[in-house]
Amino acid sequence: MATQTPPAGQPPAGAGKPSNGESETARDVELLKVVVTRDGQKVTAQWAIHPQIKHDLQPDEWKELSDIMTQVTNLVGTRFAQVLSETEPDKPGTA
């Protein structure tokens, strides 16, 4: 299970919770990201994971996650390329 290490200068989660009914400010944390990029007709899909989660995983968990995310990026990249080819078919050349 992942642990939370707050950035320097910030209290740990749960420390200093408001006691007068005010809500705590939520922070967005990017844990997992898949990015698909395009350069002309070339489509590239990559994934990234938060460094703390990677640190907390056992080697067999990291291998399993890597395998799954490779499949995800392949699926997403293939689908993106398919949609791209349907919306922007190759234009005939002038040669």
Protein backbone atom coordinates (compact mmCIF):
# COMPACT_ATOMS: atom_id res chain seq x y z
CA MET A 1 0.00 0.00 0.00
CA ALA A 2 1.27 3.48 -0.84
CA THR A 3 2.32 5.84 1.90
CA GLN A 4 2.02 9.60 1.77
CA THR A 5 5.05 11.78 2.15
CA PRO A 6 4.01 15.45 1.96
CA PRO A 7 6.25 17.99 0.24
CA ALA A 8 8.74 19.79 2.48
CA GLY A 9 7.09 22.42 4.64
CA GLN A 10 3.63 20.80 4.57
CA PRO A 11 2.15 18.90 7.51
CA PRO A 12 1.26 15.22 7.07
CA ALA A 13 -2.28 14.37 5.98
CA GLY A 14 -4.68 14.65 8.87
CA ALA A 15 -2.43 16.97 10.90
CA GLY A 16 -4.06 20.23 11.87
CA LYS A 17 -7.53 19.33 10.65
CA PRO A 18 -9.99 22.16 11.20
CA SER A 19 -12.08 21.55 14.29
CA ASN A 20 -14.62 24.34 13.77
CA GLY A 21 -16.53 22.66 10.90
CA GLU A 22 -14.45 24.18 8.10
CA SER A 23 -13.60 21.84 5.25
CA GLU A 24 -10.03 20.86 4.55
CA THR A 25 -8.57 22.06 1.23
CA ALA A 26 -8.24 19.13 -1.18
CA ARG A 27 -5.06 18.64 -3.16
CA ASP A 28 -4.90 16.89 -6.50
CA VAL A 29 -2.10 14.36 -6.72
CA GLU A 30 -1.25 12.69 -10.00
CA LEU A 31 -0.70 9.03 -9.18
CA LEU A 32 -0.81 7.46 -12.61
CA LYS A 33 -0.64 9.09 -16.01
CA VAL A 34 -0.96 7.86 -19.59
CA VAL A 35 0.15 10.29 -22.31
CA VAL A 36 -0.47 9.81 -26.01
CA THR A 37 1.45 12.09 -28.36
CA ARG A 38 1.36 12.49 -32.10
CA ASP A 39 4.04 13.59 -34.53
CA GLY A 40 2.52 13.51 -38.01
CA GLN A 41 1.27 9.95 -38.46
CA LYS A 42 3.43 8.57 -35.63
CA VAL A 43 1.57 7.95 -32.36
CA THR A 44 3.43 7.30 -29.11
CA ALA A 45 1.84 6.25 -25.81
CA GLN A 46 3.74 6.39 -22.51
CA TRP A 47 2.82 5.94 -18.87
CA ALA A 48 4.20 7.20 -15.59
CA ILE A 49 3.56 6.49 -11.92
CA HIS A 50 4.07 8.63 -8.83
CA PRO A 51 7.59 7.95 -7.45
CA GLN A 52 6.29 7.15 -3.96
CA ILE A 53 3.98 4.44 -5.27
CA LYS A 54 6.82 2.92 -7.29
CA HIS A 55 8.97 2.97 -4.16
CA ASP A 56 6.26 1.23 -2.11
CA LEU A 57 5.68 -1.62 -4.59
CA GLN A 58 7.29 -5.01 -4.19
CA PRO A 59 9.33 -6.20 -7.22
CA ASP A 60 6.62 -8.67 -8.31
CA GLU A 61 3.95 -5.94 -7.96
CA TRP A 62 6.09 -3.56 -10.03
CA LYS A 63 6.48 -6.24 -12.74
CA GLU A 64 2.73 -6.89 -12.79
CA LEU A 65 1.93 -3.17 -12.96
CA SER A 66 4.50 -2.65 -15.73
CA ASP A 67 2.99 -5.48 -17.78
CA ILE A 68 -0.55 -4.15 -17.33
CA MET A 69 0.42 -0.56 -18.13
CA THR A 70 2.28 -1.70 -21.25
CA GLN A 71 -0.95 -3.33 -22.40
CA VAL A 72 -2.91 -0.16 -21.54
CA THR A 73 -0.57 2.12 -23.47
CA ASN A 74 -0.62 -0.27 -26.45
CA LEU A 75 -4.44 -0.29 -26.45
CA VAL A 76 -4.74 3.47 -26.02
CA GLY A 77 -2.05 4.21 -28.61
CA THR A 78 -3.55 1.80 -31.14
CA ARG A 79 -7.04 3.20 -30.65
CA PHE A 80 -5.77 6.78 -30.91
CA ALA A 81 -3.94 5.93 -34.17
CA GLN A 82 -7.08 4.22 -35.50
CA VAL A 83 -9.28 7.23 -34.76
CA LEU A 84 -6.63 9.54 -36.20
CA SER A 85 -6.48 7.58 -39.46
CA GLU A 86 -10.28 7.67 -39.74
CA THR A 87 -10.49 11.43 -39.23
CA GLU A 88 -7.35 12.35 -41.18
CA PRO A 89 -6.83 9.79 -43.95
CA ASP A 90 -3.55 9.89 -45.85
CA LYS A 91 -3.67 12.55 -48.54
CA PRO A 92 -2.58 11.45 -52.00
CA GLY A 93 0.95 12.48 -52.86
CA THR A 94 1.90 14.85 -55.64
CA ALA A 95 4.90 12.84 -56.85
